[in-house]
PDB file of N, CA and C in Angstrom:
ATOM      1  N   MET A   1     -45.770 135.391  76.923  1.00  0.00           N
ATOM      2  CA  MET A   1     -46.163 134.300  76.091  1.00  0.00           C
ATOM      3  C   MET A   1     -46.952 133.286  77.058  1.00  0.00           C
ATOM      4  N   ALA A   2     -48.110 132.881  76.659  1.00  0.00           N
ATOM      5  CA  ALA A   2     -48.922 131.978  77.375  1.00  0.00           C
ATOM      6  C   ALA A   2     -48.373 130.546  77.277  1.00  0.00           C
ATOM      7  N   GLU A   3     -48.594 129.810  78.481  1.00  0.00           N
ATOM      8  CA  GLU A   3     -48.049 128.513  78.591  1.00  0.00           C
ATOM      9  C   GLU A   3     -49.007 127.605  77.726  1.00  0.00           C
ATOM     10  N   VAL A   4     -48.363 126.695  77.192  1.00  0.00           N
ATOM     11  CA  VAL A   4     -49.154 125.586  76.529  1.00  0.00           C
ATOM     12  C   VAL A   4     -48.932 124.350  77.184  1.00  0.00           C
ATOM     13  N   PHE A   5     -49.962 123.506  77.526  1.00  0.00           N
ATOM     14  CA  PHE A   5     -50.042 122.339  78.193  1.00  0.00           C
ATOM     15  C   PHE A   5     -50.113 121.116  77.242  1.00  0.00           C
ATOM     16  N   ALA A   6     -49.256 120.144  77.241  1.00  0.00           N
ATOM     17  CA  ALA A   6     -49.369 118.877  76.558  1.00  0.00           C
ATOM     18  C   ALA A   6     -50.047 117.957  77.331  1.00  0.00           C
ATOM     19  N   TRP A   7     -51.187 117.265  76.797  1.00  0.00           N
ATOM     20  CA  TRP A   7     -51.890 116.280  77.335  1.00  0.00           C
ATOM     21  C   TRP A   7     -51.651 114.909  76.632  1.00  0.00           C
ATOM     22  N   LYS A   8     -51.753 113.797  77.349  1.00  0.00           N
ATOM     23  CA  LYS A   8     -51.622 112.592  76.784  1.00  0.00           C
ATOM     24  C   LYS A   8     -53.164 111.943  76.642  1.00  0.00           C
ATOM     25  N   ILE A   9     -53.558 111.575  75.515  1.00  0.00           N
ATOM     26  CA  ILE A   9     -54.891 110.991  75.454  1.00  0.00           C
ATOM     27  C   ILE A   9     -54.643 109.529  74.798  1.00  0.00           C
ATOM     28  N   HIS A  10     -55.593 108.537  75.131  1.00  0.00           N
ATOM     29  CA  HIS A  10     -55.614 107.269  74.686  1.00  0.00           C
ATOM     30  C   HIS A  10     -56.624 107.127  73.530  1.00  0.00           C
ATOM     31  N   LEU A  11     -56.098 106.564  72.391  1.00  0.00           N
ATOM     32  CA  LEU A  11     -57.138 106.323  71.298  1.00  0.00           C
ATOM     33  C   LEU A  11     -57.312 104.855  71.100  1.00  0.00           C
ATOM     34  N   ARG A  12     -58.568 104.504  70.867  1.00  0.00           N
ATOM     35  CA  ARG A  12     -59.103 103.196  70.609  1.00  0.00           C
ATOM     36  C   ARG A  12     -59.830 103.092  69.328  1.00  0.00           C
ATOM     37  N   PHE A  13     -59.546 102.209  68.552  1.00  0.00           N
ATOM     38  CA  PHE A  13     -60.209 101.996  67.203  1.00  0.00           C
ATOM     39  C   PHE A  13     -60.867 100.661  67.176  1.00  0.00           C
ATOM     40  N   PHE A  14     -62.165 100.687  66.582  1.00  0.00           N
ATOM     41  CA  PHE A  14     -62.949  99.505  66.571  1.00  0.00           C
ATOM     42  C   PHE A  14     -63.460  99.281  65.079  1.00  0.00           C
ATOM     43  N   GLY A  15     -63.672  98.109  64.685  1.00  0.00           N
ATOM     44  CA  GLY A  15     -64.123  97.760  63.428  1.00  0.00           C
ATOM     45  C   GLY A  15     -63.358  98.313  62.137  1.00  0.00           C
ATOM     46  N   PRO A  16     -64.048  98.839  61.222  1.00  0.00           N
ATOM     47  CA  PRO A  16     -63.346  99.482  60.168  1.00  0.00           C
ATOM     48  C   PRO A  16     -62.292 100.519  60.495  1.00  0.00           C
ATOM     49  N   ALA A  17     -62.501 101.248  61.570  1.00  0.00           N
ATOM     50  CA  ALA A  17     -61.572 102.269  62.118  1.00  0.00           C
ATOM     51  C   ALA A  17     -60.325 101.689  62.550  1.00  0.00           C
ATOM     52  N   GLN A  18     -60.327 100.532  63.092  1.00  0.00           N
ATOM     53  CA  GLN A  18     -59.205  99.710  63.482  1.00  0.00           C
ATOM     54  C   GLN A  18     -58.339  99.371  62.176  1.00  0.00           C
ATOM     55  N   ASP A  19     -59.175  98.865  61.150  1.00  0.00           N
ATOM     56  CA  ASP A  19     -58.428  98.488  59.966  1.00  0.00           C
ATOM     57  C   ASP A  19     -57.807  99.685  59.277  1.00  0.00           C
ATOM     58  N   GLN A  20     -58.449 100.828  59.332  1.00  0.00           N
ATOM     59  CA  GLN A  20     -57.989 102.017  58.649  1.00  0.00           C
ATOM     60  C   GLN A  20     -56.745 102.498  59.415  1.00  0.00           C
ATOM     61  N   ALA A  21     -56.767 102.474  60.741  1.00  0.00           N
ATOM     62  CA  ALA A  21     -55.690 103.060  61.542  1.00  0.00           C
ATOM     63  C   ALA A  21     -54.470 102.009  61.663  1.00  0.00           C
ATOM     64  N   GLY A  22     -54.716 100.775  61.557  1.00  0.00           N
ATOM     65  CA  GLY A  22     -53.690  99.904  61.376  1.00  0.00           C
ATOM     66  C   GLY A  22     -53.363  99.471  62.935  1.00  0.00           C
ATOM     67  N   VAL A  23     -54.008  99.936  63.919  1.00  0.00           N
ATOM     68  CA  VAL A  23     -53.607  99.573  65.263  1.00  0.00           C
ATOM     69  C   VAL A  23     -55.063  99.580  66.119  1.00  0.00           C
ATOM     70  N   LYS A  24     -54.968  98.799  67.224  1.00  0.00           N
ATOM     71  CA  LYS A  24     -56.230  98.757  68.100  1.00  0.00           C
ATOM     72  C   LYS A  24     -56.141  99.923  69.056  1.00  0.00           C
ATOM     73  N   GLU A  25     -54.977 100.236  69.602  1.00  0.00           N
ATOM     74  CA  GLU A  25     -54.996 101.269  70.520  1.00  0.00           C
ATOM     75  C   GLU A  25     -53.580 101.946  70.374  1.00  0.00           C
ATOM     76  N   THR A  26     -53.545 103.250  70.708  1.00  0.00           N
ATOM     77  CA  THR A  26     -52.284 104.110  70.689  1.00  0.00           C
ATOM     78  C   THR A  26     -52.452 105.289  71.624  1.00  0.00           C
ATOM     79  N   VAL A  27     -51.445 105.959  71.851  1.00  0.00           N
ATOM     80  CA  VAL A  27     -51.509 107.150  72.759  1.00  0.00           C
ATOM     81  C   VAL A  27     -51.031 108.302  71.805  1.00  0.00           C
ATOM     82  N   MET A  28     -51.550 109.530  72.181  1.00  0.00           N
ATOM     83  CA  MET A  28     -51.230 110.684  71.324  1.00  0.00           C
ATOM     84  C   MET A  28     -51.141 111.839  72.309  1.00  0.00           C
ATOM     85  N   ALA A  29     -50.141 112.685  71.994  1.00  0.00           N
ATOM     86  CA  ALA A  29     -49.962 113.969  72.771  1.00  0.00           C
ATOM     87  C   ALA A  29     -50.756 115.018  71.993  1.00  0.00           C
ATOM     88  N   VAL A  30     -51.537 115.825  72.672  1.00  0.00           N
ATOM     89  CA  VAL A  30     -52.328 117.023  72.306  1.00  0.00           C
ATOM     90  C   VAL A  30     -52.178 118.067  73.131  1.00  0.00           C
ATOM     91  N   VAL A  31     -52.521 119.277  72.706  1.00  0.00           N
ATOM     92  CA  VAL A  31     -52.438 120.494  73.523  1.00  0.00           C
ATOM     93  C   VAL A  31     -53.829 120.880  74.049  1.00  0.00           C
ATOM     94  N   GLU A  32     -53.765 121.699  75.055  1.00  0.00           N
ATOM     95  CA  GLU A  32     -55.016 122.089  75.547  1.00  0.00           C
ATOM     96  C   GLU A  32     -55.950 122.820  74.453  1.00  0.00           C
ATOM     97  N   GLY A  33     -57.223 122.544  74.421  1.00  0.00           N
ATOM     98  CA  GLY A  33     -57.959 123.152  73.483  1.00  0.00           C
ATOM     99  C   GLY A  33     -58.280 122.275  72.159  1.00  0.00           C
ATOM    100  N   THR A  34     -57.601 121.066  72.205  1.00  0.00           N
ATOM    101  CA  THR A  34     -57.732 120.132  71.083  1.00  0.00           C
ATOM    102  C   THR A  34     -59.201 119.449  71.119  1.00  0.00           C
ATOM    103  N   THR A  35     -59.861 119.467  69.953  1.00  0.00           N
ATOM    104  CA  THR A  35     -61.101 118.876  69.832  1.00  0.00           C
ATOM    105  C   THR A  35     -61.004 117.405  69.148  1.00  0.00           C
ATOM    106  N   VAL A  36     -62.053 116.664  69.361  1.00  0.00           N
ATOM    107  CA  VAL A  36     -62.212 115.423  68.534  1.00  0.00           C
ATOM    108  C   VAL A  36     -61.947 115.617  67.056  1.00  0.00           C
ATOM    109  N   GLY A  37     -62.513 116.579  66.539  1.00  0.00           N
ATOM    110  CA  GLY A  37     -62.364 116.935  65.090  1.00  0.00           C
ATOM    111  C   GLY A  37     -60.789 117.147  64.803  1.00  0.00           C
ATOM    112  N   ASP A  38     -60.178 117.806  65.638  1.00  0.00           N
ATOM    113  CA  ASP A  38     -58.661 118.101  65.357  1.00  0.00           C
ATOM    114  C   ASP A  38     -57.919 116.722  65.390  1.00  0.00           C
ATOM    115  N   VAL A  39     -58.252 115.832  66.256  1.00  0.00           N
ATOM    116  CA  VAL A  39     -57.665 114.461  66.159  1.00  0.00           C
ATOM    117  C   VAL A  39     -58.071 113.757  64.893  1.00  0.00           C
ATOM    118  N   ILE A  40     -59.222 113.749  64.476  1.00  0.00           N
ATOM    119  CA  ILE A  40     -59.669 113.107  63.272  1.00  0.00           C
ATOM    120  C   ILE A  40     -58.905 113.696  62.118  1.00  0.00           C
ATOM    121  N   GLU A  41     -58.713 115.007  62.079  1.00  0.00           N
ATOM    122  CA  GLU A  41     -57.959 115.560  60.989  1.00  0.00           C
ATOM    123  C   GLU A  41     -56.473 115.184  61.092  1.00  0.00           C
ATOM    124  N   ARG A  42     -55.901 115.207  62.163  1.00  0.00           N
ATOM    125  CA  ARG A  42     -54.520 114.830  62.398  1.00  0.00           C
ATOM    126  C   ARG A  42     -54.327 113.465  61.952  1.00  0.00           C
ATOM    127  N   LEU A  43     -55.225 112.489  62.228  1.00  0.00           N
ATOM    128  CA  LEU A  43     -55.063 111.163  61.861  1.00  0.00           C
ATOM    129  C   LEU A  43     -55.407 110.778  60.396  1.00  0.00           C
ATOM    130  N   GLN A  44     -56.144 111.850  59.854  1.00  0.00           N
ATOM    131  CA  GLN A  44     -56.617 111.644  58.420  1.00  0.00           C
ATOM    132  C   GLN A  44     -57.501 110.519  58.144  1.00  0.00           C
ATOM    133  N   ILE A  45     -58.476 110.313  59.221  1.00  0.00           N
ATOM    134  CA  ILE A  45     -59.332 109.238  59.030  1.00  0.00           C
ATOM    135  C   ILE A  45     -60.894 109.727  58.723  1.00  0.00           C
ATOM    136  N   GLY A  46     -61.085 110.988  58.639  1.00  0.00           N
ATOM    137  CA  GLY A  46     -62.307 111.475  58.460  1.00  0.00           C
ATOM    138  C   GLY A  46     -62.923 111.263  57.023  1.00  0.00           C
ATOM    139  N   ASN A  47     -62.027 111.349  56.086  1.00  0.00           N
ATOM    140  CA  ASN A  47     -62.483 111.239  54.759  1.00  0.00           C
ATOM    141  C   ASN A  47     -63.014 109.898  54.237  1.00  0.00           C
ATOM    142  N   TRP A  48     -62.510 108.847  54.936  1.00  0.00           N
ATOM    143  CA  TRP A  48     -62.977 107.559  54.452  1.00  0.00           C
ATOM    144  C   TRP A  48     -64.278 107.015  54.973  1.00  0.00           C
ATOM    145  N   MET A  49     -64.755 107.709  56.150  1.00  0.00           N
ATOM    146  CA  MET A  49     -65.983 107.346  56.786  1.00  0.00           C
ATOM    147  C   MET A  49     -66.937 108.509  56.895  1.00  0.00           C
ATOM    148  N   GLY A  50     -66.497 109.659  56.789  1.00  0.00           N
ATOM    149  CA  GLY A  50     -67.312 110.894  56.816  1.00  0.00           C
ATOM    150  C   GLY A  50     -68.164 110.926  58.045  1.00  0.00           C
ATOM    151  N   ASP A  51     -69.422 111.265  57.969  1.00  0.00           N
ATOM    152  CA  ASP A  51     -70.308 111.527  59.105  1.00  0.00           C
ATOM    153  C   ASP A  51     -70.656 110.143  59.776  1.00  0.00           C
ATOM    154  N   ARG A  52     -70.421 109.026  59.116  1.00  0.00           N
ATOM    155  CA  ARG A  52     -70.770 107.688  59.711  1.00  0.00           C
ATOM    156  C   ARG A  52     -69.745 107.416  60.884  1.00  0.00           C
ATOM    157  N   LEU A  53     -68.660 107.985  60.994  1.00  0.00           N
ATOM    158  CA  LEU A  53     -67.760 107.639  62.085  1.00  0.00           C
ATOM    159  C   LEU A  53     -68.185 108.338  63.423  1.00  0.00           C
ATOM    160  N   LYS A  54     -68.446 107.470  64.332  1.00  0.00           N
ATOM    161  CA  LYS A  54     -68.866 107.955  65.671  1.00  0.00           C
ATOM    162  C   LYS A  54     -67.676 107.934  66.669  1.00  0.00           C
ATOM    163  N   THR A  55     -67.693 108.867  67.530  1.00  0.00           N
ATOM    164  CA  THR A  55     -66.642 108.981  68.588  1.00  0.00           C
ATOM    165  C   THR A  55     -67.221 108.997  69.974  1.00  0.00           C
ATOM    166  N   ALA A  56     -66.514 108.556  70.802  1.00  0.00           N
ATOM    167  CA  ALA A  56     -66.848 108.522  72.298  1.00  0.00           C
ATOM    168  C   ALA A  56     -65.617 108.954  73.062  1.00  0.00           C
ATOM    169  N   ILE A  57     -65.922 109.822  74.238  1.00  0.00           N
ATOM    170  CA  ILE A  57     -64.868 110.042  75.067  1.00  0.00           C
ATOM    171  C   ILE A  57     -65.157 109.461  76.438  1.00  0.00           C
ATOM    172  N   ASP A  58     -64.445 108.534  76.943  1.00  0.00           N
ATOM    173  CA  ASP A  58     -64.692 107.770  78.087  1.00  0.00           C
ATOM    174  C   ASP A  58     -66.092 107.053  78.174  1.00  0.00           C
ATOM    175  N   GLY A  59     -66.432 106.619  77.041  1.00  0.00           N
ATOM    176  CA  GLY A  59     -67.759 105.838  76.927  1.00  0.00           C
ATOM    177  C   GLY A  59     -68.980 106.652  76.606  1.00  0.00           C
ATOM    178  N   ARG A  60     -68.759 107.967  76.419  1.00  0.00           N
ATOM    179  CA  ARG A  60     -69.884 108.825  76.195  1.00  0.00           C
ATOM    180  C   ARG A  60     -69.805 109.359  74.666  1.00  0.00           C
ATOM    181  N   ILE A  61     -70.784 109.109  73.935  1.00  0.00           N
ATOM    182  CA  ILE A  61     -70.869 109.474  72.499  1.00  0.00           C
ATOM    183  C   ILE A  61     -70.737 111.033  72.387  1.00  0.00           C
ATOM    184  N   VAL A  62     -69.811 111.467  71.641  1.00  0.00           N
ATOM    185  CA  VAL A  62     -69.578 113.014  71.532  1.00  0.00           C
ATOM    186  C   VAL A  62     -69.656 113.369  69.979  1.00  0.00           C
ATOM    187  N   ASN A  63     -69.658 114.735  69.767  1.00  0.00           N
ATOM    188  CA  ASN A  63     -69.554 115.158  68.430  1.00  0.00           C
ATOM    189  C   ASN A  63     -68.122 115.672  68.231  1.00  0.00           C
ATOM    190  N   LYS A  64     -67.876 116.047  67.054  1.00  0.00           N
ATOM    191  CA  LYS A  64     -66.521 116.403  66.676  1.00  0.00           C
ATOM    192  C   LYS A  64     -65.999 117.725  67.284  1.00  0.00           C
ATOM    193  N   ASP A  65     -66.899 118.586  67.896  1.00  0.00           N
ATOM    194  CA  ASP A  65     -66.554 119.798  68.480  1.00  0.00           C
ATOM    195  C   ASP A  65     -66.103 119.618  70.034  1.00  0.00           C
ATOM    196  N   GLU A  66     -66.280 118.450  70.635  1.00  0.00           N
ATOM    197  CA  GLU A  66     -66.056 118.119  71.909  1.00  0.00           C
ATOM    198  C   GLU A  66     -64.560 118.337  72.318  1.00  0.00           C
ATOM    199  N   LEU A  67     -64.279 119.025  73.329  1.00  0.00           N
ATOM    200  CA  LEU A  67     -62.992 119.320  73.758  1.00  0.00           C
ATOM    201  C   LEU A  67     -62.363 118.030  74.461  1.00  0.00           C
ATOM    202  N   LEU A  68     -61.111 117.706  74.271  1.00  0.00           N
ATOM    203  CA  LEU A  68     -60.453 116.598  75.011  1.00  0.00           C
ATOM    204  C   LEU A  68     -59.697 117.151  76.168  1.00  0.00           C
ATOM    205  N   TYR A  69     -59.393 116.290  77.120  1.00  0.00           N
ATOM    206  CA  TYR A  69     -58.688 116.571  78.430  1.00  0.00           C
ATOM    207  C   TYR A  69     -57.660 115.561  78.588  1.00  0.00           C
ATOM    208  N   ASP A  70     -56.726 115.954  79.446  1.00  0.00           N
ATOM    209  CA  ASP A  70     -55.678 115.051  79.892  1.00  0.00           C
ATOM    210  C   ASP A  70     -56.108 113.697  80.394  1.00  0.00           C
ATOM    211  N   GLY A  71     -55.649 112.597  79.771  1.00  0.00           N
ATOM    212  CA  GLY A  71     -55.997 111.253  80.203  1.00  0.00           C
ATOM    213  C   GLY A  71     -57.291 110.610  79.612  1.00  0.00           C
ATOM    214  N   ALA A  72     -58.032 111.486  78.584  1.00  0.00           N
ATOM    215  CA  ALA A  72     -59.183 110.995  77.988  1.00  0.00           C
ATOM    216  C   ALA A  72     -58.970 109.813  77.231  1.00  0.00           C
ATOM    217  N   GLU A  73     -59.959 108.952  77.102  1.00  0.00           N
ATOM    218  CA  GLU A  73     -59.943 107.899  76.153  1.00  0.00           C
ATOM    219  C   GLU A  73     -60.879 108.258  75.021  1.00  0.00           C
ATOM    220  N   LEU A  74     -60.258 108.271  73.793  1.00  0.00           N
ATOM    221  CA  LEU A  74     -61.187 108.701  72.598  1.00  0.00           C
ATOM    222  C   LEU A  74     -61.278 107.434  71.825  1.00  0.00           C
ATOM    223  N   ALA A  75     -62.565 106.945  71.669  1.00  0.00           N
ATOM    224  CA  ALA A  75     -62.844 105.774  70.799  1.00  0.00           C
ATOM    225  C   ALA A  75     -63.414 106.179  69.494  1.00  0.00           C
ATOM    226  N   PHE A  76     -62.981 105.395  68.515  1.00  0.00           N
ATOM    227  CA  PHE A  76     -63.528 105.650  67.165  1.00  0.00           C
ATOM    228  C   PHE A  76     -64.349 104.337  66.807  1.00  0.00           C
ATOM    229  N   LEU A  77     -65.597 104.694  66.637  1.00  0.00           N
ATOM    230  CA  LEU A  77     -66.655 103.553  66.546  1.00  0.00           C
ATOM    231  C   LEU A  77     -67.217 103.460  65.089  1.00  0.00           C
ATOM    232  N   PRO A  78     -67.462 102.289  64.761  1.00  0.00           N
ATOM    233  CA  PRO A  78     -68.001 102.128  63.321  1.00  0.00           C
ATOM    234  C   PRO A  78     -69.506 102.306  63.404  1.00  0.00           C
ATOM    235  N   PRO A  79     -70.066 102.591  62.236  1.00  0.00           N
ATOM    236  CA  PRO A  79     -71.546 102.584  62.201  1.00  0.00           C
ATOM    237  C   PRO A  79     -72.211 101.361  62.739  1.00  0.00           C
ATOM    238  N   VAL A  80     -73.239 101.373  63.436  1.00  0.00           N
ATOM    239  CA  VAL A  80     -74.012 100.211  63.859  1.00  0.00           C
ATOM    240  C   VAL A  80     -74.889  99.827  62.770  1.00  0.00           C
ATOM    241  N   SER A  81     -74.862  98.487  62.416  1.00  0.00           N
ATOM    242  CA  SER A  81     -75.965  98.014  61.500  1.00  0.00           C
ATOM    243  C   SER A  81     -76.659  96.834  62.284  1.00  0.00           C
ATOM    244  N   GLY A  82     -77.844  96.736  61.751  1.00  0.00           N
ATOM    245  CA  GLY A  82     -78.738  95.744  62.368  1.00  0.00           C
ATOM    246  C   GLY A  82     -79.377  94.780  61.269  1.00  0.00           C
ATOM    247  N   GLY A  83     -80.088  93.915  61.786  1.00  0.00           N
ATOM    248  CA  GLY A  83     -80.660  92.870  60.825  1.00  0.00           C
ATOM    249  C   GLY A  83     -81.925  92.515  61.282  1.00  0.00           C
TER     250      GLY A  83
END
């Protein structure tokens, strides 16, 4: 049987994502091979913002297929609007 490693990632929510999550920051345990999309699905936050939800790992904008790693900071960013 293959070993499974549990990692701790830090989640940060901004704007409407914070309102939806109900917290500004939290920590989540994930296993090796977890993607940003997996976390979005687990948190059930993808449906309310769809493709407008942007994500960043350690300050770098990433897509939903990006793999996470131990200690990563995953931020959920609202769409940017201008005037």
